[in-house]
Amino acid sequence: MDFLIPGLLGMNLMNSGMWGIGFALVDMRQRKLLKRFVATPLRRSDFLMALASSRLILMVIEVGLLLSFGALIFHIRVVGSVLAILLIGAIGAVSFGGLGLLTASRARKIESVSGLINIVMMPMWIFSGVFFSYERFPASAQVFIKALPLTALNDALRATILEGSSLASQGGRLLVLALWGGISFALALRWFRWS
């Protein structure tokens, strides 16, 4: 269970960011709610930041609840700082929120975004060490696997929760998450359409 709970936390953050933001955005587009914003002074960046921020708050609460559940029910010993875990969760939420915005930035139908989200998430479910260690994959695949945002998030959560690693020692993993989030959000902002 010690290995599994941090992986499930990471997977939950990915699912919430991708589905929670991507699905909501396309649903608003499909119901023609986004078209109404064109007539307002609301900038695209403000709208996308507000959507991502509202989801971020819920995602950080989810981390706290799931971590508490793991500690109370499965007796997972949390060695690291709870504040550091929440901060890692927030950075992961921003990263997957950016990916959710990117996948939904042009999709017009819920069916389309569902397929796109699954295409993006499937490699991470398999390779990122949610249920079993990714170290069992060939050495030639390790560079690709470690560049995935879910791998960085799961590794950072495991190191902090199980080993008590500091945020400073997680710099490389947090950088991977920040890059995925920043690049995804920048591309989403560029490609986003109201209609």
Protein backbone atom coordinates (compact mmCIF):
# COMPACT_ATOMS: atom_id res chain seq x y z
CA MET A 1 0.00 0.00 0.00
CA ASP A 2 2.88 2.37 0.71
CA PHE A 3 3.86 2.28 -2.97
CA LEU A 4 0.28 2.43 -4.24
CA ILE A 5 -1.21 5.39 -2.32
CA PRO A 6 1.15 8.10 -3.71
CA GLY A 7 0.63 6.69 -7.21
CA LEU A 8 -3.13 6.84 -6.77
CA LEU A 9 -2.82 10.42 -5.52
CA GLY A 10 -0.91 11.33 -8.67
CA MET A 11 -3.37 9.50 -10.91
CA ASN A 12 -6.28 11.25 -9.21
CA LEU A 13 -4.67 14.65 -9.79
CA MET A 14 -4.13 13.79 -13.44
CA ASN A 15 -7.72 12.61 -13.89
CA SER A 16 -9.15 15.65 -12.10
CA GLY A 17 -7.05 18.08 -14.10
CA MET A 18 -7.64 16.50 -17.47
CA TRP A 19 -11.30 15.56 -17.09
CA GLY A 20 -12.37 18.29 -14.71
CA ILE A 21 -11.03 21.11 -16.84
CA GLY A 22 -11.10 19.59 -20.32
CA PHE A 23 -14.60 18.19 -20.06
CA ALA A 24 -16.01 21.37 -18.44
CA LEU A 25 -14.48 23.60 -21.11
CA VAL A 26 -15.86 21.60 -24.02
CA ASP A 27 -19.23 21.29 -22.31
CA MET A 28 -19.39 25.09 -22.04
CA ARG A 29 -18.38 25.38 -25.69
CA GLN A 30 -20.98 22.85 -26.79
CA ARG A 31 -23.75 24.65 -24.85
CA LYS A 32 -22.64 27.95 -26.47
CA LEU A 33 -21.72 29.49 -23.11
CA LEU A 34 -18.22 30.39 -24.28
CA LYS A 35 -19.59 32.40 -27.21
CA ARG A 36 -21.28 34.74 -24.74
CA PHE A 37 -17.92 35.68 -23.26
CA VAL A 38 -16.82 37.14 -26.61
CA ALA A 39 -19.12 40.11 -26.01
CA THR A 40 -17.57 40.83 -22.61
CA PRO A 41 -14.23 42.47 -21.79
CA LEU A 42 -13.05 39.15 -20.33
CA ARG A 43 -9.69 38.12 -21.78
CA ARG A 44 -9.02 34.52 -22.75
CA SER A 45 -6.12 34.31 -20.32
CA ASP A 46 -8.29 35.52 -17.42
CA PHE A 47 -11.00 33.03 -18.24
CA LEU A 48 -8.60 30.09 -18.55
CA MET A 49 -6.78 31.06 -15.34
CA ALA A 50 -10.09 31.33 -13.46
CA LEU A 51 -11.20 27.93 -14.72
CA ALA A 52 -7.88 26.32 -13.79
CA SER A 53 -7.70 28.08 -10.41
CA SER A 54 -11.16 26.96 -9.36
CA ARG A 55 -10.23 23.38 -10.18
CA LEU A 56 -6.85 23.74 -8.44
CA ILE A 57 -8.54 24.48 -5.13
CA LEU A 58 -10.64 21.32 -5.38
CA MET A 59 -7.64 19.24 -6.41
CA VAL A 60 -5.54 20.32 -3.41
CA ILE A 61 -8.46 19.45 -1.12
CA GLU A 62 -8.62 16.04 -2.83
CA VAL A 63 -4.94 15.45 -2.04
CA GLY A 64 -5.55 16.19 1.63
CA LEU A 65 -8.59 13.92 1.79
CA LEU A 66 -6.95 11.01 -0.05
CA LEU A 67 -3.79 11.30 2.03
CA SER A 68 -5.86 11.31 5.23
CA PHE A 69 -7.81 8.29 3.98
CA GLY A 70 -4.58 6.41 3.26
CA ALA A 71 -3.17 7.25 6.68
CA LEU A 72 -6.35 6.38 8.61
CA ILE A 73 -7.56 3.31 6.73
CA PHE A 74 -4.34 1.77 5.38
CA HIS A 75 -2.01 3.11 8.09
CA ILE A 76 0.37 4.73 5.61
CA ARG A 77 3.05 6.55 7.56
CA VAL A 78 3.48 10.05 6.20
CA VAL A 79 7.14 10.85 6.83
CA GLY A 80 7.37 14.12 4.91
CA SER A 81 5.87 17.52 5.51
CA VAL A 82 2.14 17.75 4.78
CA LEU A 83 2.69 21.28 3.49
CA ALA A 84 5.34 19.99 1.04
CA ILE A 85 2.95 17.25 -0.11
CA LEU A 86 0.18 19.80 -0.68
CA LEU A 87 2.58 22.06 -2.58
CA ILE A 88 3.70 19.17 -4.80
CA GLY A 89 0.04 18.34 -5.32
CA ALA A 90 -0.68 21.95 -6.30
CA ILE A 91 2.18 21.98 -8.81
CA GLY A 92 0.93 18.68 -10.23
CA ALA A 93 -2.61 20.08 -10.40
CA VAL A 94 -1.36 23.10 -12.36
CA SER A 95 0.55 20.82 -14.71
CA PHE A 96 -2.43 18.60 -15.46
CA GLY A 97 -4.77 21.58 -15.53
CA GLY A 98 -2.62 23.01 -18.32
CA LEU A 99 -2.78 19.69 -20.18
CA GLY A 100 -6.55 19.61 -19.71
CA LEU A 101 -6.87 23.12 -21.13
CA LEU A 102 -4.62 22.22 -24.05
CA THR A 103 -6.57 19.09 -25.01
CA ALA A 104 -9.85 21.02 -24.82
CA SER A 105 -8.68 24.26 -26.44
CA ARG A 106 -10.04 23.37 -29.89
CA ALA A 107 -12.34 20.39 -29.32
CA ARG A 108 -15.97 21.15 -30.10
CA LYS A 109 -17.65 17.99 -28.88
CA ILE A 110 -17.42 16.05 -25.65
CA GLU A 111 -16.80 12.87 -27.63
CA SER A 112 -13.75 14.47 -29.27
CA VAL A 113 -12.21 15.70 -26.05
CA SER A 114 -12.88 12.33 -24.38
CA GLY A 115 -10.78 10.60 -27.03
CA LEU A 116 -8.02 13.21 -26.84
CA ILE A 117 -7.86 13.02 -23.06
CA ASN A 118 -7.64 9.22 -23.15
CA ILE A 119 -4.86 9.36 -25.76
CA VAL A 120 -2.88 11.72 -23.53
CA MET A 121 -3.50 9.82 -20.29
CA MET A 122 -3.11 6.22 -21.47
CA PRO A 123 0.72 6.26 -21.76
CA MET A 124 0.95 7.80 -18.30
CA TRP A 125 -1.34 5.17 -16.75
CA ILE A 126 0.89 2.45 -18.17
CA PHE A 127 4.39 3.90 -17.85
CA SER A 128 4.37 6.32 -14.91
CA GLY A 129 4.53 3.91 -12.02
CA VAL A 130 1.02 4.23 -10.64
CA PHE A 131 0.50 0.53 -9.89
CA PHE A 132 3.99 -0.91 -10.42
CA SER A 133 7.50 0.46 -10.73
CA TYR A 134 8.45 1.88 -14.11
CA GLU A 135 12.02 0.70 -13.50
CA ARG A 136 10.99 -2.68 -14.93
CA PHE A 137 10.72 -1.15 -18.40
CA PRO A 138 13.81 -1.27 -20.66
CA ALA A 139 16.57 1.24 -19.99
CA SER A 140 16.02 2.74 -23.43
CA ALA A 141 12.50 3.82 -22.37
CA GLN A 142 13.53 5.41 -19.06
CA VAL A 143 14.27 8.87 -20.49
CA PHE A 144 10.80 9.02 -22.07
CA ILE A 145 9.13 7.68 -18.92
CA LYS A 146 10.89 10.16 -16.61
CA ALA A 147 9.86 13.05 -18.87
CA LEU A 148 6.16 12.27 -18.34
CA PRO A 149 4.45 14.60 -15.86
CA LEU A 150 2.73 11.78 -13.97
CA THR A 151 6.08 10.04 -13.43
CA ALA A 152 7.56 13.24 -11.98
CA LEU A 153 4.51 13.76 -9.76
CA ASN A 154 4.40 10.16 -8.52
CA ASP A 155 8.14 10.13 -7.80
CA ALA A 156 7.95 13.45 -5.94
CA LEU A 157 4.93 12.32 -3.90
CA ARG A 158 6.54 8.97 -3.04
CA ALA A 159 9.84 10.56 -2.05
CA THR A 160 8.12 13.14 0.16
CA ILE A 161 5.44 10.91 1.69
CA LEU A 162 7.49 7.76 2.24
CA GLU A 163 11.05 9.07 2.65
CA GLY A 164 10.53 12.60 3.97
CA SER A 165 12.43 14.21 1.10
CA SER A 166 12.46 18.00 1.05
CA LEU A 167 11.10 20.19 -1.72
CA ALA A 168 14.65 21.25 -2.56
CA SER A 169 15.62 17.65 -3.31
CA GLN A 170 12.62 17.39 -5.66
CA GLY A 171 13.79 20.26 -7.88
CA GLY A 172 14.20 18.22 -11.08
CA ARG A 173 10.81 16.56 -10.75
CA LEU A 174 9.07 19.83 -9.93
CA LEU A 175 10.78 21.43 -12.93
CA VAL A 176 9.37 18.70 -15.20
CA LEU A 177 5.88 19.40 -13.82
CA ALA A 178 6.28 23.17 -14.13
CA LEU A 179 7.48 22.87 -17.73
CA TRP A 180 4.57 20.64 -18.71
CA GLY A 181 2.11 23.01 -17.04
CA GLY A 182 3.66 26.21 -18.38
CA ILE A 183 4.09 25.02 -21.95
CA SER A 184 0.63 23.43 -22.02
CA PHE A 185 -1.02 26.56 -20.67
CA ALA A 186 0.86 28.81 -23.12
CA LEU A 187 -0.17 26.60 -26.05
CA ALA A 188 -3.76 26.40 -24.79
CA LEU A 189 -3.90 30.19 -24.56
CA ARG A 190 -2.63 30.47 -28.11
CA TRP A 191 -4.96 27.83 -29.60
CA PHE A 192 -8.06 28.44 -27.48
CA ARG A 193 -11.24 29.44 -29.32
CA TRP A 194 -14.45 30.69 -27.76
CA SER A 195 -16.58 28.85 -30.32
